[in-house]
Structure formats: C-alpha cells, structure tokens
C-alpha atoms as a PDB file:
ATOM      1  CA  MET A   1      55.714 197.211 245.194  1.00  0.00           C
ATOM      2  CA  GLN A   2      55.109 199.383 242.146  1.00  0.00           C
ATOM      3  CA  ALA A   3      52.772 197.914 239.532  1.00  0.00           C
ATOM      4  CA  ARG A   4      54.372 197.254 236.169  1.00  0.00           C
ATOM      5  CA  SER A   5      52.706 198.575 233.046  1.00  0.00           C
ATOM      6  CA  ARG A   6      53.380 195.241 231.333  1.00  0.00           C
ATOM      7  CA  PRO A   7      52.840 192.605 234.035  1.00  0.00           C
ATOM      8  CA  TRP A   8      53.822 189.739 231.705  1.00  0.00           C
ATOM      9  CA  VAL A   9      57.337 191.176 231.374  1.00  0.00           C
ATOM     10  CA  ALA A  10      59.618 190.766 234.368  1.00  0.00           C
ATOM     11  CA  PRO A  11      63.059 192.312 234.834  1.00  0.00           C
ATOM     12  CA  ASN A  12      65.971 189.897 234.238  1.00  0.00           C
ATOM     13  CA  GLU A  13      66.923 190.040 237.909  1.00  0.00           C
ATOM     14  CA  GLU A  14      63.446 188.935 238.944  1.00  0.00           C
ATOM     15  CA  VAL A  15      63.332 186.089 236.455  1.00  0.00           C
ATOM     16  CA  THR A  16      66.764 184.748 237.356  1.00  0.00           C
ATOM     17  CA  ALA A  17      66.087 185.032 241.093  1.00  0.00           C
ATOM     18  CA  ASP A  18      64.248 181.712 240.723  1.00  0.00           C
ATOM     19  CA  GLU A  19      66.953 179.059 241.100  1.00  0.00           C
ATOM     20  CA  GLY A  20      65.377 176.664 238.595  1.00  0.00           C
ATOM     21  CA  VAL A  21      65.027 179.339 235.941  1.00  0.00           C
ATOM     22  CA  ALA A  22      68.547 180.612 236.571  1.00  0.00           C
ATOM     23  CA  SER A  23      69.923 177.072 236.201  1.00  0.00           C
ATOM     24  CA  MET A  24      68.029 176.508 232.951  1.00  0.00           C
ATOM     25  CA  ILE A  25      69.174 179.829 231.488  1.00  0.00           C
ATOM     26  CA  SER A  26      72.746 179.163 232.542  1.00  0.00           C
ATOM     27  CA  GLY A  27      72.606 175.755 230.864  1.00  0.00           C
ATOM     28  CA  VAL A  28      71.247 177.169 227.612  1.00  0.00           C
ATOM     29  CA  VAL A  29      73.875 179.925 227.551  1.00  0.00           C
ATOM     30  CA  THR A  30      76.625 177.376 228.249  1.00  0.00           C
ATOM     31  CA  GLU A  31      75.323 175.158 225.426  1.00  0.00           C
ATOM     32  CA  TYR A  32      75.159 178.148 223.062  1.00  0.00           C
ATOM     33  CA  GLU A  33      78.631 179.422 223.932  1.00  0.00           C
ATOM     34  CA  GLY A  34      80.101 175.915 223.786  1.00  0.00           C
ATOM     35  CA  ARG A  35      78.403 175.180 220.481  1.00  0.00           C
ATOM     36  CA  ALA A  36      77.034 171.995 221.993  1.00  0.00           C
ATOM     37  CA  GLY A  37      74.250 170.493 219.925  1.00  0.00           C
ATOM     38  CA  ILE A  38      72.621 171.281 216.622  1.00  0.00           C
ATOM     39  CA  GLU A  39      70.271 173.820 218.238  1.00  0.00           C
ATOM     40  CA  ALA A  40      73.225 175.864 219.500  1.00  0.00           C
ATOM     41  CA  THR A  41      74.933 175.618 216.125  1.00  0.00           C
ATOM     42  CA  CYS A  42      71.792 176.811 214.348  1.00  0.00           C
ATOM     43  CA  ALA A  43      71.313 179.646 216.844  1.00  0.00           C
ATOM     44  CA  ARG A  44      74.903 180.806 216.383  1.00  0.00           C
ATOM     45  CA  ASP A  45      74.521 180.621 212.603  1.00  0.00           C
ATOM     46  CA  ALA A  46      71.341 182.716 212.838  1.00  0.00           C
ATOM     47  CA  ASP A  47      73.250 185.326 214.852  1.00  0.00           C
ATOM     48  CA  LYS A  48      76.098 185.378 212.331  1.00  0.00           C
ATOM     49  CA  LEU A  49      73.670 185.604 209.405  1.00  0.00           C
ATOM     50  CA  GLU A  50      72.015 188.594 211.040  1.00  0.00           C
ATOM     51  CA  CYS A  51      75.426 190.249 211.418  1.00  0.00           C
ATOM     52  CA  LEU A  52      76.277 189.465 207.807  1.00  0.00           C
ATOM     53  CA  ILE A  53      73.004 190.887 206.528  1.00  0.00           C
ATOM     54  CA  GLN A  54      73.506 194.031 208.571  1.00  0.00           C
ATOM     55  CA  ALA A  55      77.001 194.436 207.105  1.00  0.00           C
ATOM     56  CA  ILE A  56      75.613 193.962 203.578  1.00  0.00           C
ATOM     57  CA  GLU A  57      72.960 196.595 204.237  1.00  0.00           C
ATOM     58  CA  TYR A  58      75.613 199.031 205.476  1.00  0.00           C
ATOM     59  CA  ARG A  59      77.781 198.265 202.430  1.00  0.00           C
ATOM     60  CA  ASP A  60      74.816 198.873 200.123  1.00  0.00           C
ATOM     61  CA  GLN A  61      74.285 202.220 201.839  1.00  0.00           C
ATOM     62  CA  GLY A  62      77.853 203.255 200.997  1.00  0.00           C
ATOM     63  CA  ASN A  63      79.878 202.259 204.053  1.00  0.00           C
ATOM     64  CA  GLN A  64      83.307 201.292 202.749  1.00  0.00           C
ATOM     65  CA  ASN A  65      84.529 199.488 205.889  1.00  0.00           C
ATOM     66  CA  THR A  66      82.276 196.450 205.954  1.00  0.00           C
ATOM     67  CA  GLN A  67      84.369 193.776 204.189  1.00  0.00           C
ATOM     68  CA  PRO A  68      86.213 192.593 207.327  1.00  0.00           C
ATOM     69  CA  TRP A  69      82.849 192.348 209.095  1.00  0.00           C
ATOM     70  CA  ILE A  70      81.410 190.355 206.169  1.00  0.00           C
ATOM     71  CA  ASP A  71      84.459 188.058 206.042  1.00  0.00           C
ATOM     72  CA  THR A  72      84.325 187.362 209.786  1.00  0.00           C
ATOM     73  CA  SER A  73      80.620 186.586 209.696  1.00  0.00           C
ATOM     74  CA  LEU A  74      81.039 184.234 206.723  1.00  0.00           C
ATOM     75  CA  ALA A  75      83.966 182.402 208.310  1.00  0.00           C
ATOM     76  CA  GLN A  76      81.938 181.591 211.408  1.00  0.00           C
ATOM     77  CA  LEU A  77      78.980 179.959 209.645  1.00  0.00           C
ATOM     78  CA  GLN A  78      78.768 176.208 210.231  1.00  0.00           C
ATOM     79  CA  THR A  79      75.672 174.777 208.571  1.00  0.00           C
ATOM     80  CA  ALA A  80      75.109 174.266 204.859  1.00  0.00           C
ATOM     81  CA  SER A  81      71.775 176.104 205.044  1.00  0.00           C
ATOM     82  CA  ALA A  82      73.358 179.156 206.664  1.00  0.00           C
ATOM     83  CA  LYS A  83      76.140 179.211 204.079  1.00  0.00           C
ATOM     84  CA  SER A  84      73.560 178.964 201.304  1.00  0.00           C
ATOM     85  CA  ARG A  85      71.569 181.862 202.756  1.00  0.00           C
ATOM     86  CA  ALA A  86      74.756 183.895 203.088  1.00  0.00           C
ATOM     87  CA  ASP A  87      75.678 183.261 199.440  1.00  0.00           C
ATOM     88  CA  GLU A  88      72.218 184.392 198.356  1.00  0.00           C
ATOM     89  CA  ALA A  89      72.413 187.535 200.507  1.00  0.00           C
ATOM     90  CA  LEU A  90      75.794 188.392 198.990  1.00  0.00           C
ATOM     91  CA  ARG A  91      74.600 187.796 195.398  1.00  0.00           C
ATOM     92  CA  SER A  92      71.528 189.970 195.642  1.00  0.00           C
ATOM     93  CA  GLY A  93      70.619 193.379 196.958  1.00  0.00           C
ATOM     94  CA  SER A  94      70.430 193.786 200.690  1.00  0.00           C
ATOM     95  CA  LEU A  95      66.699 193.020 200.792  1.00  0.00           C
ATOM     96  CA  ASP A  96      66.058 191.310 197.443  1.00  0.00           C
ATOM     97  CA  TRP A  97      66.809 187.860 198.862  1.00  0.00           C
ATOM     98  CA  LEU A  98      64.282 188.414 201.654  1.00  0.00           C
ATOM     99  CA  LYS A  99      61.531 189.375 199.225  1.00  0.00           C
ATOM    100  CA  ARG A 100      62.129 186.164 197.251  1.00  0.00           C
ATOM    101  CA  ALA A 101      62.234 184.021 200.383  1.00  0.00           C
ATOM    102  CA  LEU A 102      58.969 185.446 201.668  1.00  0.00           C
ATOM    103  CA  SER A 103      57.249 184.981 198.321  1.00  0.00           C
ATOM    104  CA  GLY A 104      58.329 181.347 198.216  1.00  0.00           C
ATOM    105  CA  GLY A 105      60.281 181.410 195.002  1.00  0.00           C
ATOM    106  CA  ASP A 106      62.464 183.138 192.500  1.00  0.00           C
ATOM    107  CA  GLU A 107      61.296 186.386 190.998  1.00  0.00           C
END
C-alpha cells in the first residue's frame, strides 16, 4: 500500500467502504435532497446563496447572461434569513455586503 501524503484524508471510495459510514452519508444525502428537516433546508439555502453570489459577481464583472441564474437561485430560497441575505447581496456590490457582515454592522 502506497503511503498518502495527507494521511488524514481518505479517498471517497475508502471512506464509504465502511458500511456504517456509507449508511450515514446516504441518509444525510437523502435528507438533503428530500429537503427533510431544517438542517437540510438551511444547507440547500446556503448552496443557493452561494450560487446567487457567484452570479452577482459575474454580473458585476460584465457578464450579461446572469439574470436567469439569479432568478433561479432566488426562487429556490426557503428561509427568511436566506432571502434577507439575498436581498442585501443584490442591493450592494458583489463584496460590499460581505465586508459589512464581517465588520458586524453597517458602514
């Protein structure tokens, strides 16, 4: 067996070869895909927010084909907090909202 340069990182196949781990991962993926539970809803919203922010960044860089991407991302948000973050990202520059959030207030 060849030694790995990062022994704490295992290939996916090795991790999921363990039946217990594979079952747990399968359950989490099923919960996420089925939108079962608040954790799955929040995780999906986080994914959609990331997509939205990426689309806003591309738009701010001059890409003219981002509006459908933005609209789709917005339509899929479920939680009030995600919708609020999306509104803020759309109102400000692509990274201005992040600077304010990290500083803990409005600037």
